[in-house]
Amino acid sequence: MTTIRMFSAPHKALRRTMANFSVLAGQTNFNDTAAVEKLKSMGKELFLLLTLHAENEDKIILAALEAKLPGSTEHDKLDHIQIEHIQSQLEDQLEKFGTTITSGEAYDFYLQFAAFQSLYLEHINEEETVTQGLIWDHLTDEEQMAINKAIVKKMDIETYALWLKHIIPAQNETENLLMLIATSKNMPVPDFDSLMGTLKRIMPEPDFRKLKSKLWITSANY
């Protein structure tokens, strides 16, 4: 089923969040404690999402493809090892940042992250073209849907809401509504209510209100 794009939602979220972090890294006044803490907080969230996504790919998506087409996932897995190594170095640097950082150190970090971002964007572009094509060719519709369900099932409500916090502003309205409607149908009502409650807490209030209103209208037509 070529309408199932396995990587679309998380990759849109990661592209947007990495771009925002890159901009903030270039803007941050490292003499301002609050500004430094804001950068560190955003970076911690971004790096967590990158780690979670790599785990989902390695243990669920690529594992399913490898079982059908041995050897086909080696390139992606090697990329993940390289990405994880560079990411770990960036995380260590960011964690140590304080107001004593020099302007040169700050700019070096900015450049290092920009290089990492370029590498990561190339990697996920290949996943969405080459790897996605292999998935369409070798996995049935049912197997692809099972992968999506397995990814959702392994997440707790807080983690799922964190993903949605970044996915929703990166997608168009139609994608968001279809995603949430599918989630509501495949999740027990108390869990979905908890998810929406958590999302309300972490999303900007006007954005959440608009999304919830559109979701109610659209759901009534399904």
C-alpha atoms as a PDB file:
ATOM      1  CA  MET A   1       0.000   0.000   0.000  1.00  0.00           C
ATOM      2  CA  THR A   2       1.873   3.061  -1.248  1.00  0.00           C
ATOM      3  CA  THR A   3      -0.416   5.376   0.716  1.00  0.00           C
ATOM      4  CA  ILE A   4       1.214   4.258   3.984  1.00  0.00           C
ATOM      5  CA  ARG A   5       4.284   6.408   4.436  1.00  0.00           C
ATOM      6  CA  MET A   6       6.090   4.779   7.312  1.00  0.00           C
ATOM      7  CA  PHE A   7       8.482   7.642   8.009  1.00  0.00           C
ATOM      8  CA  SER A   8       6.443  10.712   7.113  1.00  0.00           C
ATOM      9  CA  ALA A   9       5.087  11.892  10.482  1.00  0.00           C
ATOM     10  CA  PRO A  10       8.215  11.437  12.629  1.00  0.00           C
ATOM     11  CA  HIS A  11      10.512  12.768   9.920  1.00  0.00           C
ATOM     12  CA  LYS A  12       8.405  15.891   9.395  1.00  0.00           C
ATOM     13  CA  ALA A  13       8.531  16.470  13.152  1.00  0.00           C
ATOM     14  CA  LEU A  14      12.295  15.939  13.325  1.00  0.00           C
ATOM     15  CA  ARG A  15      13.014  18.194  10.338  1.00  0.00           C
ATOM     16  CA  ARG A  16      11.020  21.011  11.938  1.00  0.00           C
ATOM     17  CA  THR A  17      12.451  20.561  15.420  1.00  0.00           C
ATOM     18  CA  MET A  18      16.035  20.321  14.200  1.00  0.00           C
ATOM     19  CA  ALA A  19      15.581  23.496  12.165  1.00  0.00           C
ATOM     20  CA  ASN A  20      14.157  25.334  15.178  1.00  0.00           C
ATOM     21  CA  PHE A  21      16.989  24.124  17.398  1.00  0.00           C
ATOM     22  CA  SER A  22      19.579  25.206  14.828  1.00  0.00           C
ATOM     23  CA  VAL A  23      18.082  28.700  14.705  1.00  0.00           C
ATOM     24  CA  LEU A  24      17.981  28.919  18.502  1.00  0.00           C
ATOM     25  CA  ALA A  25      21.594  27.729  18.772  1.00  0.00           C
ATOM     26  CA  GLY A  26      22.615  30.601  16.513  1.00  0.00           C
ATOM     27  CA  GLN A  27      20.527  33.161  18.422  1.00  0.00           C
ATOM     28  CA  THR A  28      21.278  32.192  22.020  1.00  0.00           C
ATOM     29  CA  ASN A  29      22.972  34.735  24.255  1.00  0.00           C
ATOM     30  CA  PHE A  30      25.273  32.564  26.329  1.00  0.00           C
ATOM     31  CA  ASN A  31      25.610  35.290  28.948  1.00  0.00           C
ATOM     32  CA  ASP A  32      21.919  34.807  29.760  1.00  0.00           C
ATOM     33  CA  THR A  33      21.244  31.840  32.045  1.00  0.00           C
ATOM     34  CA  ALA A  34      17.584  31.583  31.017  1.00  0.00           C
ATOM     35  CA  ALA A  35      18.524  31.587  27.320  1.00  0.00           C
ATOM     36  CA  VAL A  36      21.087  28.831  27.848  1.00  0.00           C
ATOM     37  CA  GLU A  37      18.591  26.729  29.791  1.00  0.00           C
ATOM     38  CA  LYS A  38      16.002  27.190  27.013  1.00  0.00           C
ATOM     39  CA  LEU A  39      18.495  25.883  24.446  1.00  0.00           C
ATOM     40  CA  LYS A  40      19.431  22.948  26.667  1.00  0.00           C
ATOM     41  CA  SER A  41      15.774  22.083  27.254  1.00  0.00           C
ATOM     42  CA  MET A  42      14.965  22.136  23.540  1.00  0.00           C
ATOM     43  CA  GLY A  43      18.070  20.108  22.768  1.00  0.00           C
ATOM     44  CA  LYS A  44      17.249  17.491  25.385  1.00  0.00           C
ATOM     45  CA  GLU A  45      13.794  17.030  23.886  1.00  0.00           C
ATOM     46  CA  LEU A  46      15.141  16.859  20.331  1.00  0.00           C
ATOM     47  CA  PHE A  47      17.841  14.328  21.172  1.00  0.00           C
ATOM     48  CA  LEU A  48      15.300  12.182  23.028  1.00  0.00           C
ATOM     49  CA  LEU A  49      13.063  12.104  19.949  1.00  0.00           C
ATOM     50  CA  LEU A  50      16.020  11.216  17.728  1.00  0.00           C
ATOM     51  CA  THR A  51      16.919   8.324  20.045  1.00  0.00           C
ATOM     52  CA  LEU A  52      13.342   7.049  20.281  1.00  0.00           C
ATOM     53  CA  HIS A  53      12.914   7.209  16.515  1.00  0.00           C
ATOM     54  CA  ALA A  54      16.137   5.306  15.833  1.00  0.00           C
ATOM     55  CA  GLU A  55      14.995   2.586  18.255  1.00  0.00           C
ATOM     56  CA  ASN A  56      11.619   2.298  16.500  1.00  0.00           C
ATOM     57  CA  GLU A  57      13.327   1.993  13.144  1.00  0.00           C
ATOM     58  CA  ASP A  58      15.932  -0.552  14.226  1.00  0.00           C
ATOM     59  CA  LYS A  59      13.679  -2.764  16.348  1.00  0.00           C
ATOM     60  CA  ILE A  60      10.406  -2.568  14.415  1.00  0.00           C
ATOM     61  CA  ILE A  61      10.505  -1.051  10.919  1.00  0.00           C
ATOM     62  CA  LEU A  62      13.894  -2.236   9.700  1.00  0.00           C
ATOM     63  CA  ALA A  63      13.546  -5.558  11.510  1.00  0.00           C
ATOM     64  CA  ALA A  64      10.355  -6.271   9.560  1.00  0.00           C
ATOM     65  CA  LEU A  65      11.989  -5.347   6.254  1.00  0.00           C
ATOM     66  CA  GLU A  66      15.149  -7.325   7.022  1.00  0.00           C
ATOM     67  CA  ALA A  67      13.058 -10.429   7.670  1.00  0.00           C
ATOM     68  CA  LYS A  68      11.606 -10.117   4.165  1.00  0.00           C
ATOM     69  CA  LEU A  69      14.722  -8.921   2.350  1.00  0.00           C
ATOM     70  CA  PRO A  70      17.942  -9.883   4.159  1.00  0.00           C
ATOM     71  CA  GLY A  71      20.726  -7.325   3.835  1.00  0.00           C
ATOM     72  CA  SER A  72      18.441  -4.511   2.712  1.00  0.00           C
ATOM     73  CA  THR A  73      18.676  -2.554   5.960  1.00  0.00           C
ATOM     74  CA  GLU A  74      22.438  -2.670   6.511  1.00  0.00           C
ATOM     75  CA  HIS A  75      23.035   0.829   5.112  1.00  0.00           C
ATOM     76  CA  ASP A  76      20.374   2.431   7.315  1.00  0.00           C
ATOM     77  CA  LYS A  77      21.674   0.622  10.409  1.00  0.00           C
ATOM     78  CA  LEU A  78      25.258   1.738   9.742  1.00  0.00           C
ATOM     79  CA  ASP A  79      23.963   5.299   9.334  1.00  0.00           C
ATOM     80  CA  HIS A  80      22.267   4.990  12.711  1.00  0.00           C
ATOM     81  CA  ILE A  81      25.550   3.999  14.380  1.00  0.00           C
ATOM     82  CA  GLN A  82      27.314   7.038  12.903  1.00  0.00           C
ATOM     83  CA  ILE A  83      24.435   9.352  13.798  1.00  0.00           C
ATOM     84  CA  GLU A  84      24.254   8.031  17.360  1.00  0.00           C
ATOM     85  CA  HIS A  85      27.984   8.642  17.857  1.00  0.00           C
ATOM     86  CA  ILE A  86      27.827  12.273  16.685  1.00  0.00           C
ATOM     87  CA  GLN A  87      24.589  12.877  18.563  1.00  0.00           C
ATOM     88  CA  SER A  88      26.171  11.628  21.794  1.00  0.00           C
ATOM     89  CA  GLN A  89      29.048  14.089  21.401  1.00  0.00           C
ATOM     90  CA  LEU A  90      26.628  16.984  20.827  1.00  0.00           C
ATOM     91  CA  GLU A  91      24.538  15.978  23.835  1.00  0.00           C
ATOM     92  CA  ASP A  92      27.635  15.930  26.055  1.00  0.00           C
ATOM     93  CA  GLN A  93      28.666  19.386  24.859  1.00  0.00           C
ATOM     94  CA  LEU A  94      25.204  20.851  25.357  1.00  0.00           C
ATOM     95  CA  GLU A  95      24.879  19.390  28.852  1.00  0.00           C
ATOM     96  CA  LYS A  96      28.099  21.154  29.944  1.00  0.00           C
ATOM     97  CA  PHE A  97      27.091  24.557  28.575  1.00  0.00           C
ATOM     98  CA  GLY A  98      26.746  27.443  30.999  1.00  0.00           C
ATOM     99  CA  THR A  99      27.254  31.201  30.966  1.00  0.00           C
ATOM    100  CA  THR A 100      31.034  30.754  31.003  1.00  0.00           C
ATOM    101  CA  ILE A 101      31.069  29.426  27.431  1.00  0.00           C
ATOM    102  CA  THR A 102      33.073  31.574  25.010  1.00  0.00           C
ATOM    103  CA  SER A 103      31.643  32.957  21.797  1.00  0.00           C
ATOM    104  CA  GLY A 104      34.026  30.724  19.854  1.00  0.00           C
ATOM    105  CA  GLU A 105      32.837  27.585  21.674  1.00  0.00           C
ATOM    106  CA  ALA A 106      29.223  28.585  21.080  1.00  0.00           C
ATOM    107  CA  TYR A 107      29.803  29.065  17.375  1.00  0.00           C
ATOM    108  CA  ASP A 108      31.725  25.797  17.091  1.00  0.00           C
ATOM    109  CA  PHE A 109      28.729  23.986  18.593  1.00  0.00           C
ATOM    110  CA  TYR A 110      26.427  25.755  16.138  1.00  0.00           C
ATOM    111  CA  LEU A 111      28.554  24.613  13.196  1.00  0.00           C
ATOM    112  CA  GLN A 112      28.834  21.060  14.529  1.00  0.00           C
ATOM    113  CA  PHE A 113      25.092  20.809  14.910  1.00  0.00           C
ATOM    114  CA  ALA A 114      24.573  22.230  11.402  1.00  0.00           C
ATOM    115  CA  ALA A 115      26.862  19.515  10.007  1.00  0.00           C
ATOM    116  CA  PHE A 116      24.977  16.881  12.010  1.00  0.00           C
ATOM    117  CA  GLN A 117      21.665  18.235  10.737  1.00  0.00           C
ATOM    118  CA  SER A 118      22.871  18.011   7.136  1.00  0.00           C
ATOM    119  CA  LEU A 119      23.963  14.416   7.657  1.00  0.00           C
ATOM    120  CA  TYR A 120      20.666  13.513   9.283  1.00  0.00           C
ATOM    121  CA  LEU A 121      18.559  15.150   6.576  1.00  0.00           C
ATOM    122  CA  GLU A 122      20.403  13.176   3.895  1.00  0.00           C
ATOM    123  CA  HIS A 123      19.839   9.979   5.892  1.00  0.00           C
ATOM    124  CA  ILE A 124      16.087  10.416   6.342  1.00  0.00           C
ATOM    125  CA  ASN A 125      15.648  11.474   2.720  1.00  0.00           C
ATOM    126  CA  GLU A 126      17.119   8.135   1.674  1.00  0.00           C
ATOM    127  CA  GLU A 127      14.835   6.320   4.111  1.00  0.00           C
ATOM    128  CA  GLU A 128      11.778   8.033   2.660  1.00  0.00           C
ATOM    129  CA  THR A 129      12.749   7.203  -0.913  1.00  0.00           C
ATOM    130  CA  VAL A 130      14.867   4.031  -1.074  1.00  0.00           C
ATOM    131  CA  THR A 131      13.843   2.264   2.152  1.00  0.00           C
ATOM    132  CA  GLN A 132      10.187   3.247   1.855  1.00  0.00           C
ATOM    133  CA  GLY A 133      10.131   1.858  -1.674  1.00  0.00           C
ATOM    134  CA  LEU A 134      11.477  -1.481  -0.435  1.00  0.00           C
ATOM    135  CA  ILE A 135       8.800  -1.565   2.254  1.00  0.00           C
ATOM    136  CA  TRP A 136       6.062  -1.000  -0.325  1.00  0.00           C
ATOM    137  CA  ASP A 137       7.526  -3.699  -2.572  1.00  0.00           C
ATOM    138  CA  HIS A 138       8.065  -6.398   0.045  1.00  0.00           C
ATOM    139  CA  LEU A 139       5.564  -5.880   2.882  1.00  0.00           C
ATOM    140  CA  THR A 140       1.816  -6.326   2.572  1.00  0.00           C
ATOM    141  CA  ASP A 141      -0.710  -3.669   3.550  1.00  0.00           C
ATOM    142  CA  GLU A 142      -1.489  -5.646   6.699  1.00  0.00           C
ATOM    143  CA  GLU A 143       2.189  -5.931   7.632  1.00  0.00           C
ATOM    144  CA  GLN A 144       2.710  -2.199   7.156  1.00  0.00           C
ATOM    145  CA  MET A 145      -0.301  -1.369   9.319  1.00  0.00           C
ATOM    146  CA  ALA A 146       0.945  -3.824  11.950  1.00  0.00           C
ATOM    147  CA  ILE A 147       4.255  -1.956  12.086  1.00  0.00           C
ATOM    148  CA  ASN A 148       2.466   1.336  12.757  1.00  0.00           C
ATOM    149  CA  LYS A 149       0.357  -0.271  15.476  1.00  0.00           C
ATOM    150  CA  ALA A 150       3.437  -1.847  17.092  1.00  0.00           C
ATOM    151  CA  ILE A 151       5.174   1.545  17.263  1.00  0.00           C
ATOM    152  CA  VAL A 152       2.160   3.188  18.881  1.00  0.00           C
ATOM    153  CA  LYS A 153       1.630   0.269  21.277  1.00  0.00           C
ATOM    154  CA  LYS A 154       5.153   0.478  22.724  1.00  0.00           C
ATOM    155  CA  MET A 155       4.766   4.159  23.652  1.00  0.00           C
ATOM    156  CA  ASP A 156       3.332   5.370  26.929  1.00  0.00           C
ATOM    157  CA  ILE A 157       0.929   8.330  26.907  1.00  0.00           C
ATOM    158  CA  GLU A 158       3.608  10.897  27.813  1.00  0.00           C
ATOM    159  CA  THR A 159       5.901   9.749  24.996  1.00  0.00           C
ATOM    160  CA  TYR A 160       3.078   9.671  22.460  1.00  0.00           C
ATOM    161  CA  ALA A 161       1.979  13.168  23.478  1.00  0.00           C
ATOM    162  CA  LEU A 162       5.567  14.410  23.161  1.00  0.00           C
ATOM    163  CA  TRP A 163       5.702  13.094  19.606  1.00  0.00           C
ATOM    164  CA  LEU A 164       2.354  14.714  18.786  1.00  0.00           C
ATOM    165  CA  LYS A 165       3.586  18.019  20.201  1.00  0.00           C
ATOM    166  CA  HIS A 166       6.219  18.028  17.450  1.00  0.00           C
ATOM    167  CA  ILE A 167       4.330  16.184  14.719  1.00  0.00           C
ATOM    168  CA  ILE A 168       1.160  18.304  14.721  1.00  0.00           C
ATOM    169  CA  PRO A 169       2.770  21.668  13.838  1.00  0.00           C
ATOM    170  CA  ALA A 170       4.889  19.941  11.171  1.00  0.00           C
ATOM    171  CA  GLN A 171       1.964  18.357   9.301  1.00  0.00           C
ATOM    172  CA  ASN A 172      -0.977  19.773   7.401  1.00  0.00           C
ATOM    173  CA  GLU A 173      -4.443  19.794   8.936  1.00  0.00           C
ATOM    174  CA  THR A 174      -5.720  16.812   6.958  1.00  0.00           C
ATOM    175  CA  GLU A 175      -2.764  14.639   8.023  1.00  0.00           C
ATOM    176  CA  ASN A 176      -3.277  15.589  11.668  1.00  0.00           C
ATOM    177  CA  LEU A 177      -6.999  14.880  11.679  1.00  0.00           C
ATOM    178  CA  LEU A 178      -6.637  11.510   9.946  1.00  0.00           C
ATOM    179  CA  MET A 179      -3.856  10.547  12.344  1.00  0.00           C
ATOM    180  CA  LEU A 180      -5.862  11.441  15.451  1.00  0.00           C
ATOM    181  CA  ILE A 181      -9.045   9.802  14.159  1.00  0.00           C
ATOM    182  CA  ALA A 182      -7.118   6.573  13.508  1.00  0.00           C
ATOM    183  CA  THR A 183      -5.575   6.825  16.967  1.00  0.00           C
ATOM    184  CA  SER A 184      -8.964   7.306  18.620  1.00  0.00           C
ATOM    185  CA  LYS A 185     -10.300   4.192  16.871  1.00  0.00           C
ATOM    186  CA  ASN A 186      -7.341   2.012  17.868  1.00  0.00           C
ATOM    187  CA  MET A 187      -6.924   3.206  21.454  1.00  0.00           C
ATOM    188  CA  PRO A 188      -9.188   2.612  24.472  1.00  0.00           C
ATOM    189  CA  VAL A 189     -11.293   5.694  25.249  1.00  0.00           C
ATOM    190  CA  PRO A 190      -9.643   6.385  28.640  1.00  0.00           C
ATOM    191  CA  ASP A 191      -6.195   6.226  27.043  1.00  0.00           C
ATOM    192  CA  PHE A 192      -7.188   8.547  24.203  1.00  0.00           C
ATOM    193  CA  ASP A 193      -8.732  10.991  26.677  1.00  0.00           C
ATOM    194  CA  SER A 194      -5.495  10.876  28.690  1.00  0.00           C
ATOM    195  CA  LEU A 195      -3.492  11.470  25.516  1.00  0.00           C
ATOM    196  CA  MET A 196      -5.581  14.514  24.608  1.00  0.00           C
ATOM    197  CA  GLY A 197      -5.293  15.802  28.161  1.00  0.00           C
ATOM    198  CA  THR A 198      -1.516  15.539  28.061  1.00  0.00           C
ATOM    199  CA  LEU A 199      -1.458  17.154  24.644  1.00  0.00           C
ATOM    200  CA  LYS A 200      -3.543  20.039  25.983  1.00  0.00           C
ATOM    201  CA  ARG A 201      -0.966  20.584  28.701  1.00  0.00           C
ATOM    202  CA  ILE A 202       2.083  20.687  26.419  1.00  0.00           C
ATOM    203  CA  MET A 203       0.667  22.363  23.277  1.00  0.00           C
ATOM    204  CA  PRO A 204       0.027  26.108  22.868  1.00  0.00           C
ATOM    205  CA  GLU A 205      -3.567  26.635  24.041  1.00  0.00           C
ATOM    206  CA  PRO A 206      -4.957  28.262  20.836  1.00  0.00           C
ATOM    207  CA  ASP A 207      -3.438  25.516  18.670  1.00  0.00           C
ATOM    208  CA  PHE A 208      -4.913  22.778  20.839  1.00  0.00           C
ATOM    209  CA  ARG A 209      -8.352  24.392  20.906  1.00  0.00           C
ATOM    210  CA  LYS A 210      -8.422  24.681  17.110  1.00  0.00           C
ATOM    211  CA  LEU A 211      -7.234  21.100  16.640  1.00  0.00           C
ATOM    212  CA  LYS A 212      -9.800  19.688  19.064  1.00  0.00           C
ATOM    213  CA  SER A 213     -12.624  21.609  17.379  1.00  0.00           C
ATOM    214  CA  LYS A 214     -11.614  20.358  13.915  1.00  0.00           C
ATOM    215  CA  LEU A 215     -11.224  16.823  15.249  1.00  0.00           C
ATOM    216  CA  TRP A 216     -14.750  16.827  16.706  1.00  0.00           C
ATOM    217  CA  ILE A 217     -16.256  18.066  13.417  1.00  0.00           C
ATOM    218  CA  THR A 218     -14.289  15.618  11.263  1.00  0.00           C
ATOM    219  CA  SER A 219     -14.941  12.630  13.535  1.00  0.00           C
ATOM    220  CA  ALA A 220     -18.679  13.214  13.248  1.00  0.00           C
ATOM    221  CA  ASN A 221     -18.404  12.604   9.504  1.00  0.00           C
ATOM    222  CA  TYR A 222     -16.586   9.238   9.803  1.00  0.00           C
END
